[in-house]
Amino acid sequence: MSKIDGARWKLSTLLATALLRRRISIGSDVRFLGLPIISGTEFGKIIIGARTSLTSDRRGTALGVRGPVILRLMTSGARIEIGEDCGLSGTVICAAKSVRIGARCLLGSDVMIFDTDFHNPEPEGRRYARTDWGRVSAATAIGDDVFIGTGTRVMKGVTIGDGCIIGAGSVVVSDIAPFTVAAGSPARVLRPVQRKQPDDC
């Protein structure tokens, strides 16, 4: 990392931490490049684990990002929890109930994760009807050590198990078993994750 890039990270981190520390829980050594958009904190809680990085600037990742990291709570009691040592790049997370991301997860550029359909299913008056959040929302969870490829969408009620890899551009609408590679729209398991073998004695 160049001195200029290092300075950008440092200045962004100082500014973002100063602006956000009263609204969300920020662990030690969390880093920001660019300012994220945080909203709905009057409804519930947002927790960012220690040593996590949030990249909202196109210069901070190889693919760039289309927009800033967005963390948004939609309803009373909603919660977003991001574990330690995670990396988010232009990620959008919306929670009406709960979105939980485990430790050491990498979320590629412009990944979107949400736990709600946002609108009622009935076509009559859908645009103006008051959303029945309890009916159209279900908690979403991502395990530890998960890598989610760029442009992926993770839908409501989904659980992605520990150690998974989700291919770029996937749409995840059902649970993904731990330590598997999944991809597609809808995402399907393709094979097990290749894991390191202990050295022979």
C-alpha atoms as a PDB file:
ATOM      1  CA  MET A   1       0.000   0.000   0.000  1.00  0.00           C
ATOM      2  CA  SER A   2       1.374   3.400  -0.970  1.00  0.00           C
ATOM      3  CA  LYS A   3       1.786   6.213   1.538  1.00  0.00           C
ATOM      4  CA  ILE A   4      -1.067   8.092  -0.151  1.00  0.00           C
ATOM      5  CA  ASP A   5      -3.375   5.073   0.072  1.00  0.00           C
ATOM      6  CA  GLY A   6      -2.388   4.565   3.701  1.00  0.00           C
ATOM      7  CA  ALA A   7      -3.195   8.193   4.446  1.00  0.00           C
ATOM      8  CA  ARG A   8      -6.616   7.834   2.777  1.00  0.00           C
ATOM      9  CA  TRP A   9      -7.438   4.816   4.941  1.00  0.00           C
ATOM     10  CA  LYS A  10      -6.257   6.583   8.098  1.00  0.00           C
ATOM     11  CA  LEU A  11      -8.159   9.809   7.454  1.00  0.00           C
ATOM     12  CA  SER A  12     -11.340   7.984   6.416  1.00  0.00           C
ATOM     13  CA  THR A  13     -11.147   5.785   9.498  1.00  0.00           C
ATOM     14  CA  LEU A  14     -10.735   8.730  11.834  1.00  0.00           C
ATOM     15  CA  LEU A  15     -13.632  10.596  10.261  1.00  0.00           C
ATOM     16  CA  ALA A  16     -16.009   7.644   9.996  1.00  0.00           C
ATOM     17  CA  THR A  17     -15.293   6.477  13.541  1.00  0.00           C
ATOM     18  CA  ALA A  18     -15.889   9.972  14.917  1.00  0.00           C
ATOM     19  CA  LEU A  19     -19.190  10.296  13.029  1.00  0.00           C
ATOM     20  CA  LEU A  20     -20.513   6.797  13.709  1.00  0.00           C
ATOM     21  CA  ARG A  21     -19.314   5.708  17.146  1.00  0.00           C
ATOM     22  CA  ARG A  22     -22.417   7.097  18.906  1.00  0.00           C
ATOM     23  CA  ARG A  23     -24.805   5.376  16.495  1.00  0.00           C
ATOM     24  CA  ILE A  24     -23.288   1.917  16.047  1.00  0.00           C
ATOM     25  CA  SER A  25     -20.971  -0.461  17.870  1.00  0.00           C
ATOM     26  CA  ILE A  26     -17.498  -0.418  16.297  1.00  0.00           C
ATOM     27  CA  GLY A  27     -14.864  -2.923  17.422  1.00  0.00           C
ATOM     28  CA  SER A  28     -11.179  -2.177  17.822  1.00  0.00           C
ATOM     29  CA  ASP A  29      -9.063  -1.470  14.735  1.00  0.00           C
ATOM     30  CA  VAL A  30     -12.038  -1.303  12.340  1.00  0.00           C
ATOM     31  CA  ARG A  31     -10.945   0.505   9.154  1.00  0.00           C
ATOM     32  CA  PHE A  32     -12.923   2.610   6.694  1.00  0.00           C
ATOM     33  CA  LEU A  33     -12.026   3.822   3.202  1.00  0.00           C
ATOM     34  CA  GLY A  34     -14.651   6.373   2.275  1.00  0.00           C
ATOM     35  CA  LEU A  35     -17.764   6.965   4.344  1.00  0.00           C
ATOM     36  CA  PRO A  36     -20.472   4.289   4.536  1.00  0.00           C
ATOM     37  CA  ILE A  37     -24.176   5.119   4.582  1.00  0.00           C
ATOM     38  CA  ILE A  38     -25.704   4.074   7.905  1.00  0.00           C
ATOM     39  CA  SER A  39     -29.424   4.481   8.565  1.00  0.00           C
ATOM     40  CA  GLY A  40     -32.216   3.205  10.788  1.00  0.00           C
ATOM     41  CA  THR A  41     -30.098   3.031  13.921  1.00  0.00           C
ATOM     42  CA  GLU A  42     -33.039   4.395  15.895  1.00  0.00           C
ATOM     43  CA  PHE A  43     -34.760   1.034  15.262  1.00  0.00           C
ATOM     44  CA  GLY A  44     -32.135  -1.434  16.408  1.00  0.00           C
ATOM     45  CA  LYS A  45     -28.441  -2.232  16.560  1.00  0.00           C
ATOM     46  CA  ILE A  46     -25.524  -2.436  14.144  1.00  0.00           C
ATOM     47  CA  ILE A  47     -22.350  -4.160  15.338  1.00  0.00           C
ATOM     48  CA  ILE A  48     -19.062  -4.205  13.429  1.00  0.00           C
ATOM     49  CA  GLY A  49     -16.449  -6.625  14.747  1.00  0.00           C
ATOM     50  CA  ALA A  50     -12.804  -5.863  15.418  1.00  0.00           C
ATOM     51  CA  ARG A  51     -10.360  -5.466  12.523  1.00  0.00           C
ATOM     52  CA  THR A  52     -13.096  -5.408   9.894  1.00  0.00           C
ATOM     53  CA  SER A  53     -12.563  -3.212   6.816  1.00  0.00           C
ATOM     54  CA  LEU A  54     -15.339  -1.336   5.008  1.00  0.00           C
ATOM     55  CA  THR A  55     -14.424  -0.058   1.544  1.00  0.00           C
ATOM     56  CA  SER A  56     -16.694   2.638   0.091  1.00  0.00           C
ATOM     57  CA  ASP A  57     -14.149   4.071  -2.356  1.00  0.00           C
ATOM     58  CA  ARG A  58     -13.382   2.540  -5.772  1.00  0.00           C
ATOM     59  CA  ARG A  59      -9.636   2.880  -5.132  1.00  0.00           C
ATOM     60  CA  GLY A  60      -9.742   0.410  -2.265  1.00  0.00           C
ATOM     61  CA  THR A  61     -10.355  -2.804  -4.195  1.00  0.00           C
ATOM     62  CA  ALA A  62      -9.243  -4.339  -7.496  1.00  0.00           C
ATOM     63  CA  LEU A  63     -12.732  -4.334  -9.055  1.00  0.00           C
ATOM     64  CA  GLY A  64     -13.733  -0.972  -7.634  1.00  0.00           C
ATOM     65  CA  VAL A  65     -17.160  -0.415  -6.109  1.00  0.00           C
ATOM     66  CA  ARG A  66     -20.313   1.097  -7.601  1.00  0.00           C
ATOM     67  CA  GLY A  67     -21.269   2.795  -4.370  1.00  0.00           C
ATOM     68  CA  PRO A  68     -20.512   3.041  -0.673  1.00  0.00           C
ATOM     69  CA  VAL A  69     -21.129   0.377   1.924  1.00  0.00           C
ATOM     70  CA  ILE A  70     -24.760   0.719   3.069  1.00  0.00           C
ATOM     71  CA  LEU A  71     -25.977  -0.684   6.398  1.00  0.00           C
ATOM     72  CA  ARG A  72     -29.706  -0.085   6.923  1.00  0.00           C
ATOM     73  CA  LEU A  73     -32.147  -1.159   9.629  1.00  0.00           C
ATOM     74  CA  MET A  74     -35.785  -1.185   8.535  1.00  0.00           C
ATOM     75  CA  THR A  75     -37.899  -1.923  11.639  1.00  0.00           C
ATOM     76  CA  SER A  76     -37.904  -1.850  15.416  1.00  0.00           C
ATOM     77  CA  GLY A  77     -35.617  -4.495  16.894  1.00  0.00           C
ATOM     78  CA  ALA A  78     -33.730  -5.093  13.649  1.00  0.00           C
ATOM     79  CA  ARG A  79     -30.076  -6.036  13.906  1.00  0.00           C
ATOM     80  CA  ILE A  80     -27.002  -6.230  11.675  1.00  0.00           C
ATOM     81  CA  GLU A  81     -23.987  -8.021  13.115  1.00  0.00           C
ATOM     82  CA  ILE A  82     -20.673  -8.283  11.254  1.00  0.00           C
ATOM     83  CA  GLY A  83     -18.010 -10.494  12.797  1.00  0.00           C
ATOM     84  CA  GLU A  84     -14.320  -9.867  13.356  1.00  0.00           C
ATOM     85  CA  ASP A  85     -11.749  -9.687  10.544  1.00  0.00           C
ATOM     86  CA  CYS A  86     -14.284  -9.263   7.729  1.00  0.00           C
ATOM     87  CA  GLY A  87     -13.878  -7.309   4.508  1.00  0.00           C
ATOM     88  CA  LEU A  88     -16.790  -5.485   2.848  1.00  0.00           C
ATOM     89  CA  SER A  89     -16.496  -3.616  -0.473  1.00  0.00           C
ATOM     90  CA  GLY A  90     -19.479  -1.550  -1.558  1.00  0.00           C
ATOM     91  CA  THR A  91     -21.675  -4.050   0.298  1.00  0.00           C
ATOM     92  CA  VAL A  92     -25.367  -3.320   0.910  1.00  0.00           C
ATOM     93  CA  ILE A  93     -27.026  -4.919   3.960  1.00  0.00           C
ATOM     94  CA  CYS A  94     -30.669  -4.273   4.860  1.00  0.00           C
ATOM     95  CA  ALA A  95     -32.264  -5.859   7.924  1.00  0.00           C
ATOM     96  CA  ALA A  96     -35.892  -5.881   8.999  1.00  0.00           C
ATOM     97  CA  LYS A  97     -35.186  -8.716  11.464  1.00  0.00           C
ATOM     98  CA  SER A  98     -31.575  -9.903  11.543  1.00  0.00           C
ATOM     99  CA  VAL A  99     -28.602 -10.227   9.245  1.00  0.00           C
ATOM    100  CA  ARG A 100     -25.610 -11.907  10.853  1.00  0.00           C
ATOM    101  CA  ILE A 101     -22.214 -12.304   9.191  1.00  0.00           C
ATOM    102  CA  GLY A 102     -19.647 -14.485  10.923  1.00  0.00           C
ATOM    103  CA  ALA A 103     -15.926 -13.925  11.417  1.00  0.00           C
ATOM    104  CA  ARG A 104     -13.280 -13.726   8.685  1.00  0.00           C
ATOM    105  CA  CYS A 105     -15.766 -13.317   5.831  1.00  0.00           C
ATOM    106  CA  LEU A 106     -14.897 -11.633   2.534  1.00  0.00           C
ATOM    107  CA  LEU A 107     -17.683  -9.942   0.591  1.00  0.00           C
ATOM    108  CA  GLY A 108     -16.706  -9.032  -2.968  1.00  0.00           C
ATOM    109  CA  SER A 109     -17.607  -5.777  -4.663  1.00  0.00           C
ATOM    110  CA  ASP A 110     -21.296  -4.805  -4.655  1.00  0.00           C
ATOM    111  CA  VAL A 111     -22.678  -7.807  -2.766  1.00  0.00           C
ATOM    112  CA  MET A 112     -26.226  -7.264  -1.442  1.00  0.00           C
ATOM    113  CA  ILE A 113     -27.667  -9.073   1.593  1.00  0.00           C
ATOM    114  CA  PHE A 114     -31.175  -8.600   2.938  1.00  0.00           C
ATOM    115  CA  ASP A 115     -33.680 -10.397   5.129  1.00  0.00           C
ATOM    116  CA  THR A 116     -36.916  -9.038   3.667  1.00  0.00           C
ATOM    117  CA  ASP A 117     -38.979  -8.792   0.468  1.00  0.00           C
ATOM    118  CA  PHE A 118     -39.597  -5.096   1.307  1.00  0.00           C
ATOM    119  CA  HIS A 119     -43.183  -5.196  -0.064  1.00  0.00           C
ATOM    120  CA  ASN A 120     -46.293  -7.279   0.527  1.00  0.00           C
ATOM    121  CA  PRO A 121     -46.872 -10.052  -2.050  1.00  0.00           C
ATOM    122  CA  GLU A 122     -50.426  -9.083  -2.984  1.00  0.00           C
ATOM    123  CA  PRO A 123     -50.525  -6.953  -6.146  1.00  0.00           C
ATOM    124  CA  GLU A 124     -53.465  -4.835  -4.993  1.00  0.00           C
ATOM    125  CA  GLY A 125     -52.169  -1.560  -3.587  1.00  0.00           C
ATOM    126  CA  ARG A 126     -48.632  -2.912  -3.295  1.00  0.00           C
ATOM    127  CA  ARG A 127     -47.028   0.460  -3.955  1.00  0.00           C
ATOM    128  CA  TYR A 128     -48.826   2.289  -1.160  1.00  0.00           C
ATOM    129  CA  ALA A 129     -49.731  -0.467   1.309  1.00  0.00           C
ATOM    130  CA  ARG A 130     -48.066  -0.513   4.708  1.00  0.00           C
ATOM    131  CA  THR A 131     -45.517  -3.338   4.612  1.00  0.00           C
ATOM    132  CA  ASP A 132     -46.254  -6.256   6.919  1.00  0.00           C
ATOM    133  CA  TRP A 133     -42.611  -6.673   7.909  1.00  0.00           C
ATOM    134  CA  GLY A 134     -43.154  -9.745  10.062  1.00  0.00           C
ATOM    135  CA  ARG A 135     -44.760 -11.578   7.155  1.00  0.00           C
ATOM    136  CA  VAL A 136     -42.232 -10.652   4.465  1.00  0.00           C
ATOM    137  CA  SER A 137     -39.019 -10.955   6.507  1.00  0.00           C
ATOM    138  CA  ALA A 138     -36.893 -13.840   7.810  1.00  0.00           C
ATOM    139  CA  ALA A 139     -33.460 -13.746   9.444  1.00  0.00           C
ATOM    140  CA  THR A 140     -30.439 -14.281   7.203  1.00  0.00           C
ATOM    141  CA  ALA A 141     -27.155 -15.732   8.475  1.00  0.00           C
ATOM    142  CA  ILE A 142     -23.693 -16.238   7.012  1.00  0.00           C
ATOM    143  CA  GLY A 143     -21.209 -18.454   8.831  1.00  0.00           C
ATOM    144  CA  ASP A 144     -17.501 -17.973   9.511  1.00  0.00           C
ATOM    145  CA  ASP A 145     -14.810 -17.953   6.794  1.00  0.00           C
ATOM    146  CA  VAL A 146     -17.245 -17.405   3.907  1.00  0.00           C
ATOM    147  CA  PHE A 147     -16.226 -15.786   0.603  1.00  0.00           C
ATOM    148  CA  ILE A 148     -19.054 -14.225  -1.420  1.00  0.00           C
ATOM    149  CA  GLY A 149     -18.156 -13.230  -4.976  1.00  0.00           C
ATOM    150  CA  THR A 150     -18.848  -9.865  -6.570  1.00  0.00           C
ATOM    151  CA  GLY A 151     -22.406  -8.922  -7.437  1.00  0.00           C
ATOM    152  CA  THR A 152     -24.012 -11.749  -5.455  1.00  0.00           C
ATOM    153  CA  ARG A 153     -27.478 -11.328  -3.901  1.00  0.00           C
ATOM    154  CA  VAL A 154     -28.267 -13.158  -0.652  1.00  0.00           C
ATOM    155  CA  MET A 155     -32.013 -13.260   0.000  1.00  0.00           C
ATOM    156  CA  LYS A 156     -34.176 -13.457   3.093  1.00  0.00           C
ATOM    157  CA  GLY A 157     -34.214 -16.516   5.326  1.00  0.00           C
ATOM    158  CA  VAL A 158     -31.001 -17.967   3.906  1.00  0.00           C
ATOM    159  CA  THR A 159     -28.230 -19.593   5.928  1.00  0.00           C
ATOM    160  CA  ILE A 160     -24.815 -19.960   4.309  1.00  0.00           C
ATOM    161  CA  GLY A 161     -22.657 -22.418   6.232  1.00  0.00           C
ATOM    162  CA  ASP A 162     -19.095 -21.982   7.459  1.00  0.00           C
ATOM    163  CA  GLY A 163     -16.295 -22.029   4.903  1.00  0.00           C
ATOM    164  CA  CYS A 164     -18.448 -21.622   1.787  1.00  0.00           C
ATOM    165  CA  ILE A 165     -17.509 -19.962  -1.488  1.00  0.00           C
ATOM    166  CA  ILE A 166     -20.344 -18.303  -3.408  1.00  0.00           C
ATOM    167  CA  GLY A 167     -19.553 -17.629  -7.064  1.00  0.00           C
ATOM    168  CA  ALA A 168     -19.755 -14.129  -8.536  1.00  0.00           C
ATOM    169  CA  GLY A 169     -23.190 -12.943  -9.614  1.00  0.00           C
ATOM    170  CA  SER A 170     -25.071 -15.666  -7.748  1.00  0.00           C
ATOM    171  CA  VAL A 171     -28.573 -15.311  -6.331  1.00  0.00           C
ATOM    172  CA  VAL A 172     -28.789 -17.258  -3.071  1.00  0.00           C
ATOM    173  CA  VAL A 173     -32.401 -18.162  -2.265  1.00  0.00           C
ATOM    174  CA  SER A 174     -31.908 -21.320  -0.176  1.00  0.00           C
ATOM    175  CA  ASP A 175     -29.500 -22.627   2.440  1.00  0.00           C
ATOM    176  CA  ILE A 176     -25.958 -23.565   1.388  1.00  0.00           C
ATOM    177  CA  ALA A 177     -24.259 -26.428   3.243  1.00  0.00           C
ATOM    178  CA  PRO A 178     -20.957 -25.696   5.027  1.00  0.00           C
ATOM    179  CA  PHE A 179     -17.654 -26.021   3.140  1.00  0.00           C
ATOM    180  CA  THR A 180     -19.178 -26.118  -0.327  1.00  0.00           C
ATOM    181  CA  VAL A 181     -18.800 -24.059  -3.502  1.00  0.00           C
ATOM    182  CA  ALA A 182     -22.120 -22.749  -4.838  1.00  0.00           C
ATOM    183  CA  ALA A 183     -22.948 -20.565  -7.820  1.00  0.00           C
ATOM    184  CA  GLY A 184     -25.717 -19.612 -10.200  1.00  0.00           C
ATOM    185  CA  SER A 185     -29.178 -18.108 -10.204  1.00  0.00           C
ATOM    186  CA  PRO A 186     -30.518 -19.692  -8.143  1.00  0.00           C
ATOM    187  CA  ALA A 187     -27.252 -20.736  -6.478  1.00  0.00           C
ATOM    188  CA  ARG A 188     -26.628 -24.486  -6.388  1.00  0.00           C
ATOM    189  CA  VAL A 189     -23.862 -26.456  -4.702  1.00  0.00           C
ATOM    190  CA  LEU A 190     -21.198 -27.450  -7.240  1.00  0.00           C
ATOM    191  CA  ARG A 191     -18.559 -29.209  -5.158  1.00  0.00           C
ATOM    192  CA  PRO A 192     -16.863 -29.273  -1.752  1.00  0.00           C
ATOM    193  CA  VAL A 193     -14.414 -26.515  -0.842  1.00  0.00           C
ATOM    194  CA  GLN A 194     -10.815 -27.600  -1.291  1.00  0.00           C
ATOM    195  CA  ARG A 195      -9.269 -27.504   2.172  1.00  0.00           C
ATOM    196  CA  LYS A 196      -5.696 -27.532   3.364  1.00  0.00           C
ATOM    197  CA  GLN A 197      -4.471 -30.923   4.498  1.00  0.00           C
ATOM    198  CA  PRO A 198      -2.284 -31.147   7.599  1.00  0.00           C
ATOM    199  CA  ASP A 199       1.364 -31.778   6.847  1.00  0.00           C
ATOM    200  CA  ASP A 200       2.343 -35.427   6.928  1.00  0.00           C
ATOM    201  CA  CYS A 201       4.330 -36.373  10.017  1.00  0.00           C
END
